């Protein structure tokens, strides 16, 4: 047998401490959380004293896409937290607010610049293919 009964406690592999983090968590703005890769102030630890850098969109299209990406990240990160803390009303309310704001930003982007996803068809023509491909960078930043 690979593990003897006293070598490995299978229950410990799935142990989640019974701690109410909602009282101790400082949630960052979607933009700051997106840059850090984590929405929670107390969870960010720079690697070897390195830090992230702020993105500087060069035009309105990049700025709007940056906002969509930040809100999408915030929604996903708060979703992970809510999976473990489903009764945290404060975070759930913030999650709902971000979902609503992200929908507005996505709709604005699609209206002005075309689809973000293949399912977002607007107008009478299938225009997904009309967006520039990543290798067709036309002077924008390399990140958004």
N, C-alpha and C. Protein backbone atom coordinates (compact mmCIF):
# COMPACT_ATOMS: atom_id res chain seq x y z
N UNK A 1 0.85 -1.19 0.00
CA UNK A 1 0.00 0.00 0.00
C UNK A 1 0.89 1.25 0.00
N UNK A 2 0.48 2.22 -0.75
CA UNK A 2 1.27 3.44 -0.87
C UNK A 2 1.41 4.18 0.45
N UNK A 3 0.30 4.37 1.16
CA UNK A 3 0.31 5.06 2.44
C UNK A 3 -0.20 4.13 3.52
N UNK A 4 0.49 4.08 4.60
CA UNK A 4 -0.01 3.36 5.77
C UNK A 4 -1.07 4.22 6.42
N UNK A 5 -1.93 3.62 7.19
CA UNK A 5 -3.04 4.35 7.83
C UNK A 5 -2.56 5.54 8.66
N UNK A 6 -1.41 5.42 9.30
CA UNK A 6 -0.95 6.50 10.17
C UNK A 6 -0.04 7.50 9.45
N UNK A 7 0.24 7.29 8.16
CA UNK A 7 1.12 8.20 7.42
C UNK A 7 0.40 9.41 6.85
N UNK A 8 -0.87 9.25 6.51
CA UNK A 8 -1.55 10.32 5.79
C UNK A 8 -3.00 10.36 6.20
N UNK A 9 -3.43 11.50 6.67
CA UNK A 9 -4.83 11.67 7.06
C UNK A 9 -5.57 12.29 5.89
N UNK A 10 -6.40 11.53 5.22
CA UNK A 10 -7.10 12.01 4.03
C UNK A 10 -7.97 13.22 4.34
N UNK A 11 -8.49 13.33 5.53
CA UNK A 11 -9.33 14.47 5.90
C UNK A 11 -8.53 15.76 5.95
N UNK A 12 -7.26 15.70 6.25
CA UNK A 12 -6.44 16.90 6.32
C UNK A 12 -6.21 17.51 4.93
N UNK A 13 -6.28 16.70 3.89
CA UNK A 13 -6.07 17.22 2.54
C UNK A 13 -7.17 18.19 2.14
N UNK A 14 -8.33 18.08 2.75
CA UNK A 14 -9.45 18.93 2.38
C UNK A 14 -9.85 19.86 3.52
N UNK A 15 -8.97 20.06 4.45
CA UNK A 15 -9.26 20.88 5.62
C UNK A 15 -9.34 22.36 5.22
N UNK A 16 -10.44 22.97 5.57
CA UNK A 16 -10.63 24.40 5.37
C UNK A 16 -10.92 24.98 6.75
N UNK A 17 -10.07 25.86 7.24
CA UNK A 17 -10.30 26.38 8.59
C UNK A 17 -11.64 27.10 8.69
N UNK A 18 -12.28 26.96 9.82
CA UNK A 18 -13.57 27.60 10.06
C UNK A 18 -13.32 29.02 10.58
N UNK A 19 -12.98 29.90 9.67
CA UNK A 19 -12.65 31.29 10.01
C UNK A 19 -13.55 32.20 9.19
N UNK A 20 -14.08 33.22 9.81
CA UNK A 20 -14.91 34.19 9.10
C UNK A 20 -14.00 35.30 8.58
N UNK A 21 -13.54 35.13 7.34
CA UNK A 21 -12.62 36.10 6.75
C UNK A 21 -13.30 37.42 6.40
N UNK A 22 -14.61 37.42 6.26
CA UNK A 22 -15.31 38.62 5.81
C UNK A 22 -15.11 39.80 6.75
N UNK A 23 -14.86 39.53 8.01
CA UNK A 23 -14.65 40.62 8.97
C UNK A 23 -13.23 41.18 8.89
N UNK A 24 -12.34 40.43 8.27
CA UNK A 24 -10.92 40.80 8.25
C UNK A 24 -10.40 41.14 6.86
N UNK A 25 -11.26 41.11 5.87
CA UNK A 25 -10.83 41.25 4.48
C UNK A 25 -11.02 42.69 4.01
N UNK A 26 -10.00 43.22 3.41
CA UNK A 26 -10.09 44.51 2.72
C UNK A 26 -10.11 44.22 1.24
N UNK A 27 -11.25 44.47 0.62
CA UNK A 27 -11.39 44.18 -0.80
C UNK A 27 -10.93 45.39 -1.60
N UNK A 28 -10.11 45.12 -2.61
CA UNK A 28 -9.56 46.17 -3.45
C UNK A 28 -10.55 46.56 -4.55
N UNK A 29 -10.25 47.64 -5.22
CA UNK A 29 -11.05 48.03 -6.39
C UNK A 29 -10.79 47.02 -7.50
N UNK A 30 -11.71 46.91 -8.46
CA UNK A 30 -11.47 45.98 -9.58
C UNK A 30 -10.15 46.24 -10.30
N UNK A 31 -9.80 47.50 -10.50
CA UNK A 31 -8.55 47.82 -11.20
C UNK A 31 -7.33 47.36 -10.41
N UNK A 32 -7.30 47.67 -9.12
CA UNK A 32 -6.16 47.30 -8.28
C UNK A 32 -6.07 45.78 -8.15
N UNK A 33 -7.21 45.13 -7.96
CA UNK A 33 -7.23 43.67 -7.86
C UNK A 33 -6.75 43.01 -9.13
N UNK A 34 -7.15 43.55 -10.28
CA UNK A 34 -6.73 43.01 -11.57
C UNK A 34 -5.21 43.10 -11.72
N UNK A 35 -4.64 44.22 -11.35
CA UNK A 35 -3.20 44.40 -11.47
C UNK A 35 -2.43 43.48 -10.52
N UNK A 36 -2.97 43.29 -9.32
CA UNK A 36 -2.30 42.44 -8.33
C UNK A 36 -2.56 40.95 -8.57
N UNK A 37 -3.66 40.64 -9.27
CA UNK A 37 -4.03 39.25 -9.45
C UNK A 37 -4.76 38.69 -8.26
N UNK A 38 -5.30 39.57 -7.41
CA UNK A 38 -6.02 39.15 -6.22
C UNK A 38 -6.83 40.32 -5.70
N UNK A 39 -8.08 40.09 -5.38
CA UNK A 39 -8.97 41.16 -4.93
C UNK A 39 -8.85 41.47 -3.44
N UNK A 40 -8.03 40.73 -2.73
CA UNK A 40 -7.99 40.86 -1.28
C UNK A 40 -6.66 41.45 -0.82
N UNK A 41 -6.74 42.59 -0.16
CA UNK A 41 -5.57 43.34 0.29
C UNK A 41 -4.61 42.47 1.09
N UNK A 42 -5.13 41.67 1.99
CA UNK A 42 -4.28 40.90 2.90
C UNK A 42 -3.67 39.66 2.25
N UNK A 43 -4.05 39.35 1.03
CA UNK A 43 -3.56 38.14 0.37
C UNK A 43 -2.44 38.40 -0.64
N UNK A 44 -2.12 39.64 -0.89
CA UNK A 44 -1.11 39.95 -1.91
C UNK A 44 0.28 39.97 -1.27
N UNK A 45 1.17 39.16 -1.82
CA UNK A 45 2.55 39.16 -1.38
C UNK A 45 3.44 39.23 -2.62
N UNK A 46 4.16 40.32 -2.80
CA UNK A 46 5.02 40.43 -3.97
C UNK A 46 6.10 39.35 -3.98
N UNK A 47 6.46 38.90 -5.14
CA UNK A 47 7.51 37.91 -5.30
C UNK A 47 8.87 38.60 -5.31
N UNK A 48 9.74 38.24 -4.39
CA UNK A 48 11.11 38.79 -4.31
C UNK A 48 11.14 40.31 -4.42
N UNK A 49 10.27 40.97 -3.72
CA UNK A 49 10.19 42.44 -3.70
C UNK A 49 9.87 43.05 -5.06
N UNK A 50 9.41 42.24 -6.00
CA UNK A 50 8.97 42.77 -7.28
C UNK A 50 7.52 43.19 -7.13
N UNK A 51 7.08 44.08 -7.95
CA UNK A 51 5.70 44.53 -7.88
C UNK A 51 5.13 44.65 -9.29
N UNK A 52 3.86 44.78 -9.35
CA UNK A 52 3.19 44.93 -10.63
C UNK A 52 3.35 46.38 -11.12
N UNK A 53 3.06 46.61 -12.37
CA UNK A 53 3.05 47.97 -12.88
C UNK A 53 1.68 48.27 -13.44
N UNK A 54 1.31 49.53 -13.40
CA UNK A 54 0.00 49.94 -13.88
C UNK A 54 0.00 50.00 -15.39
N UNK A 55 -1.10 49.56 -15.96
CA UNK A 55 -1.26 49.63 -17.41
C UNK A 55 -1.76 51.02 -17.78
N UNK A 56 -1.28 51.53 -18.87
CA UNK A 56 -1.68 52.85 -19.35
C UNK A 56 -2.31 52.71 -20.73
N UNK A 57 -3.64 52.60 -20.77
CA UNK A 57 -4.30 52.51 -22.08
C UNK A 57 -3.98 53.73 -22.93
N UNK A 58 -3.77 53.50 -24.21
CA UNK A 58 -3.37 54.58 -25.11
C UNK A 58 -4.54 55.28 -25.78
N UNK A 59 -5.75 54.69 -25.68
CA UNK A 59 -6.91 55.31 -26.30
C UNK A 59 -8.18 54.84 -25.60
N UNK A 60 -9.31 55.35 -26.06
CA UNK A 60 -10.60 55.03 -25.44
C UNK A 60 -10.93 53.53 -25.55
N UNK A 61 -10.63 52.92 -26.67
CA UNK A 61 -10.91 51.51 -26.86
C UNK A 61 -10.14 50.66 -25.85
N UNK A 62 -8.85 50.94 -25.69
CA UNK A 62 -8.03 50.20 -24.73
C UNK A 62 -8.50 50.45 -23.29
N UNK A 63 -8.89 51.68 -22.99
CA UNK A 63 -9.35 52.02 -21.65
C UNK A 63 -10.61 51.22 -21.31
N UNK A 64 -11.53 51.16 -22.24
CA UNK A 64 -12.78 50.44 -22.01
C UNK A 64 -12.53 48.93 -21.89
N UNK A 65 -11.66 48.39 -22.74
CA UNK A 65 -11.33 46.98 -22.66
C UNK A 65 -10.64 46.66 -21.33
N UNK A 66 -9.78 47.52 -20.88
CA UNK A 66 -9.09 47.38 -19.59
C UNK A 66 -10.12 47.32 -18.46
N UNK A 67 -11.12 48.17 -18.50
CA UNK A 67 -12.17 48.17 -17.47
C UNK A 67 -12.97 46.87 -17.52
N UNK A 68 -13.32 46.41 -18.71
CA UNK A 68 -14.05 45.14 -18.85
C UNK A 68 -13.22 44.01 -18.25
N UNK A 69 -11.95 43.97 -18.57
CA UNK A 69 -11.08 42.91 -18.05
C UNK A 69 -10.97 42.97 -16.53
N UNK A 70 -10.86 44.17 -15.97
CA UNK A 70 -10.73 44.32 -14.52
C UNK A 70 -12.00 43.86 -13.81
N UNK A 71 -13.15 44.26 -14.31
CA UNK A 71 -14.41 43.85 -13.68
C UNK A 71 -14.63 42.35 -13.84
N UNK A 72 -14.28 41.80 -14.97
CA UNK A 72 -14.41 40.36 -15.19
C UNK A 72 -13.53 39.59 -14.20
N UNK A 73 -12.31 40.08 -13.99
CA UNK A 73 -11.42 39.46 -13.01
C UNK A 73 -12.01 39.55 -11.60
N UNK A 74 -12.51 40.73 -11.24
CA UNK A 74 -13.09 40.92 -9.90
C UNK A 74 -14.25 39.97 -9.67
N UNK A 75 -15.10 39.81 -10.67
CA UNK A 75 -16.24 38.90 -10.56
C UNK A 75 -15.76 37.47 -10.32
N UNK A 76 -14.77 37.04 -11.07
CA UNK A 76 -14.26 35.68 -10.92
C UNK A 76 -13.61 35.46 -9.56
N UNK A 77 -12.84 36.44 -9.09
CA UNK A 77 -12.15 36.28 -7.81
C UNK A 77 -13.15 36.29 -6.65
N UNK A 78 -14.13 37.19 -6.71
CA UNK A 78 -15.15 37.22 -5.65
C UNK A 78 -16.00 35.94 -5.70
N UNK A 79 -16.21 35.39 -6.89
CA UNK A 79 -16.94 34.14 -7.02
C UNK A 79 -16.22 33.02 -6.25
N UNK A 80 -14.91 32.96 -6.38
CA UNK A 80 -14.14 31.94 -5.66
C UNK A 80 -14.31 32.11 -4.15
N UNK A 81 -14.26 33.34 -3.69
CA UNK A 81 -14.44 33.62 -2.26
C UNK A 81 -15.84 33.19 -1.81
N UNK A 82 -16.85 33.54 -2.61
CA UNK A 82 -18.23 33.22 -2.24
C UNK A 82 -18.50 31.72 -2.27
N UNK A 83 -17.74 30.97 -3.05
CA UNK A 83 -17.88 29.51 -3.02
C UNK A 83 -17.59 28.96 -1.62
N UNK A 84 -16.66 29.60 -0.92
CA UNK A 84 -16.29 29.15 0.43
C UNK A 84 -17.04 29.89 1.52
N UNK A 85 -17.58 31.07 1.20
CA UNK A 85 -18.28 31.90 2.19
C UNK A 85 -19.61 32.37 1.61
N UNK A 86 -20.55 31.45 1.36
CA UNK A 86 -21.80 31.81 0.68
C UNK A 86 -22.72 32.73 1.48
N UNK A 87 -22.49 32.86 2.78
CA UNK A 87 -23.35 33.70 3.62
C UNK A 87 -22.81 35.11 3.82
N UNK A 88 -21.71 35.45 3.16
CA UNK A 88 -21.12 36.77 3.32
C UNK A 88 -21.90 37.77 2.46
N UNK A 89 -22.88 38.41 3.07
CA UNK A 89 -23.77 39.32 2.34
C UNK A 89 -23.03 40.52 1.76
N UNK A 90 -22.06 41.04 2.49
CA UNK A 90 -21.30 42.21 2.02
C UNK A 90 -20.58 41.89 0.70
N UNK A 91 -19.93 40.75 0.62
CA UNK A 91 -19.21 40.38 -0.60
C UNK A 91 -20.19 40.00 -1.70
N UNK A 92 -21.30 39.36 -1.34
CA UNK A 92 -22.31 39.02 -2.34
C UNK A 92 -22.91 40.28 -2.97
N UNK A 93 -23.16 41.29 -2.16
CA UNK A 93 -23.68 42.55 -2.70
C UNK A 93 -22.66 43.21 -3.63
N UNK A 94 -21.40 43.17 -3.25
CA UNK A 94 -20.34 43.73 -4.10
C UNK A 94 -20.24 42.93 -5.40
N UNK A 95 -20.33 41.61 -5.31
CA UNK A 95 -20.31 40.75 -6.48
C UNK A 95 -21.43 41.13 -7.45
N UNK A 96 -22.65 41.30 -6.93
CA UNK A 96 -23.79 41.67 -7.77
C UNK A 96 -23.57 43.04 -8.41
N UNK A 97 -23.01 43.97 -7.66
CA UNK A 97 -22.73 45.31 -8.19
C UNK A 97 -21.74 45.22 -9.34
N UNK A 98 -20.68 44.44 -9.17
CA UNK A 98 -19.66 44.31 -10.22
C UNK A 98 -20.22 43.61 -11.46
N UNK A 99 -21.09 42.62 -11.26
CA UNK A 99 -21.72 41.95 -12.40
C UNK A 99 -22.53 42.95 -13.22
N UNK A 100 -23.29 43.79 -12.52
CA UNK A 100 -24.10 44.80 -13.19
C UNK A 100 -23.23 45.81 -13.94
N UNK A 101 -22.17 46.28 -13.30
CA UNK A 101 -21.28 47.26 -13.93
C UNK A 101 -20.54 46.64 -15.12
N UNK A 102 -20.15 45.38 -15.01
CA UNK A 102 -19.46 44.73 -16.11
C UNK A 102 -20.36 44.57 -17.32
N UNK A 103 -21.63 44.28 -17.10
CA UNK A 103 -22.59 44.17 -18.20
C UNK A 103 -22.71 45.49 -18.96
N UNK A 104 -22.77 46.58 -18.23
CA UNK A 104 -22.85 47.90 -18.86
C UNK A 104 -21.59 48.19 -19.66
N UNK A 105 -20.42 47.91 -19.09
CA UNK A 105 -19.16 48.15 -19.79
C UNK A 105 -19.05 47.28 -21.05
N UNK A 106 -19.44 46.02 -20.94
CA UNK A 106 -19.39 45.13 -22.12
C UNK A 106 -20.32 45.62 -23.22
N UNK A 107 -21.52 46.03 -22.84
CA UNK A 107 -22.47 46.52 -23.84
C UNK A 107 -21.93 47.77 -24.53
N UNK A 108 -21.31 48.65 -23.76
CA UNK A 108 -20.73 49.87 -24.34
C UNK A 108 -19.60 49.52 -25.30
N UNK A 109 -18.74 48.58 -24.89
CA UNK A 109 -17.62 48.19 -25.75
C UNK A 109 -18.14 47.56 -27.05
N UNK A 110 -19.09 46.65 -26.94
CA UNK A 110 -19.63 45.97 -28.13
C UNK A 110 -20.28 46.97 -29.07
N UNK A 111 -20.99 47.92 -28.52
CA UNK A 111 -21.66 48.94 -29.34
C UNK A 111 -20.65 49.80 -30.10
N UNK A 112 -19.58 50.18 -29.42
CA UNK A 112 -18.59 51.07 -30.04
C UNK A 112 -17.57 50.35 -30.91
N UNK A 113 -17.12 49.18 -30.47
CA UNK A 113 -15.94 48.57 -31.10
C UNK A 113 -16.14 47.16 -31.64
N UNK A 114 -17.30 46.58 -31.44
CA UNK A 114 -17.53 45.24 -31.94
C UNK A 114 -17.50 44.20 -30.83
N UNK A 115 -17.73 42.96 -31.20
CA UNK A 115 -17.92 41.91 -30.21
C UNK A 115 -16.67 41.56 -29.41
N UNK A 116 -16.90 41.23 -28.15
CA UNK A 116 -15.85 40.70 -27.29
C UNK A 116 -15.85 39.18 -27.34
N UNK A 117 -17.01 38.61 -27.62
CA UNK A 117 -17.16 37.17 -27.72
C UNK A 117 -17.87 36.85 -29.03
N UNK A 118 -17.67 35.65 -29.50
CA UNK A 118 -18.26 35.25 -30.77
C UNK A 118 -19.79 35.30 -30.74
N UNK A 119 -20.38 35.18 -29.57
CA UNK A 119 -21.84 35.18 -29.45
C UNK A 119 -22.46 36.57 -29.48
N UNK A 120 -21.64 37.60 -29.45
CA UNK A 120 -22.15 38.98 -29.43
C UNK A 120 -22.23 39.54 -30.85
N UNK A 121 -23.26 39.15 -31.52
CA UNK A 121 -23.47 39.60 -32.89
C UNK A 121 -24.33 40.86 -32.84
N UNK A 122 -23.83 41.92 -33.46
CA UNK A 122 -24.65 43.14 -33.55
C UNK A 122 -24.73 43.54 -35.02
N UNK A 123 -25.82 44.12 -35.38
CA UNK A 123 -26.02 44.51 -36.78
C UNK A 123 -26.53 43.33 -37.60
N UNK A 124 -26.51 43.49 -38.90
CA UNK A 124 -27.06 42.47 -39.79
C UNK A 124 -25.98 41.56 -40.38
N UNK A 125 -24.74 41.75 -39.94
CA UNK A 125 -23.64 40.97 -40.51
C UNK A 125 -22.84 40.32 -39.38
N UNK A 126 -22.36 39.11 -39.60
CA UNK A 126 -21.51 38.43 -38.63
C UNK A 126 -20.14 39.10 -38.68
N UNK A 127 -19.83 39.89 -37.66
CA UNK A 127 -18.63 40.73 -37.72
C UNK A 127 -17.52 40.29 -36.78
N UNK A 128 -17.58 39.08 -36.24
CA UNK A 128 -16.52 38.62 -35.34
C UNK A 128 -15.16 38.65 -36.03
N UNK A 129 -15.12 38.24 -37.27
CA UNK A 129 -13.86 38.15 -38.02
C UNK A 129 -13.26 39.53 -38.34
N UNK A 130 -14.05 40.59 -38.22
CA UNK A 130 -13.58 41.93 -38.57
C UNK A 130 -12.66 42.55 -37.52
N UNK A 131 -12.68 42.03 -36.31
CA UNK A 131 -11.81 42.58 -35.27
C UNK A 131 -10.36 42.22 -35.60
N UNK A 132 -9.42 43.10 -35.24
CA UNK A 132 -8.02 42.75 -35.51
C UNK A 132 -7.59 41.55 -34.68
N UNK A 133 -6.76 40.72 -35.25
CA UNK A 133 -6.21 39.58 -34.55
C UNK A 133 -5.05 40.06 -33.69
N UNK A 134 -4.66 39.30 -32.67
CA UNK A 134 -3.59 39.76 -31.77
C UNK A 134 -2.30 40.12 -32.48
N UNK A 135 -1.96 39.44 -33.57
CA UNK A 135 -0.72 39.73 -34.27
C UNK A 135 -0.84 40.94 -35.19
N UNK A 136 -2.05 41.50 -35.29
CA UNK A 136 -2.27 42.69 -36.11
C UNK A 136 -2.27 43.94 -35.23
N UNK A 137 -1.37 44.00 -34.29
CA UNK A 137 -1.29 45.13 -33.36
C UNK A 137 -0.99 46.40 -34.15
N UNK A 138 -1.85 47.38 -34.00
CA UNK A 138 -1.70 48.61 -34.77
C UNK A 138 -1.30 49.78 -33.89
N UNK A 139 -0.26 49.60 -33.11
CA UNK A 139 0.26 50.69 -32.30
C UNK A 139 -0.34 50.80 -30.92
N UNK A 140 -1.20 49.88 -30.53
CA UNK A 140 -1.76 49.90 -29.17
C UNK A 140 -0.76 49.30 -28.20
N UNK A 141 -1.16 49.24 -26.95
CA UNK A 141 -0.25 48.63 -25.98
C UNK A 141 -0.24 47.12 -26.20
N UNK A 142 0.75 46.46 -25.68
CA UNK A 142 0.86 45.02 -25.89
C UNK A 142 0.02 44.23 -24.90
N UNK A 143 -0.61 44.89 -23.93
CA UNK A 143 -1.35 44.19 -22.90
C UNK A 143 -2.85 44.27 -23.03
N UNK A 144 -3.38 45.30 -23.59
CA UNK A 144 -4.82 45.41 -23.77
C UNK A 144 -5.13 45.84 -25.18
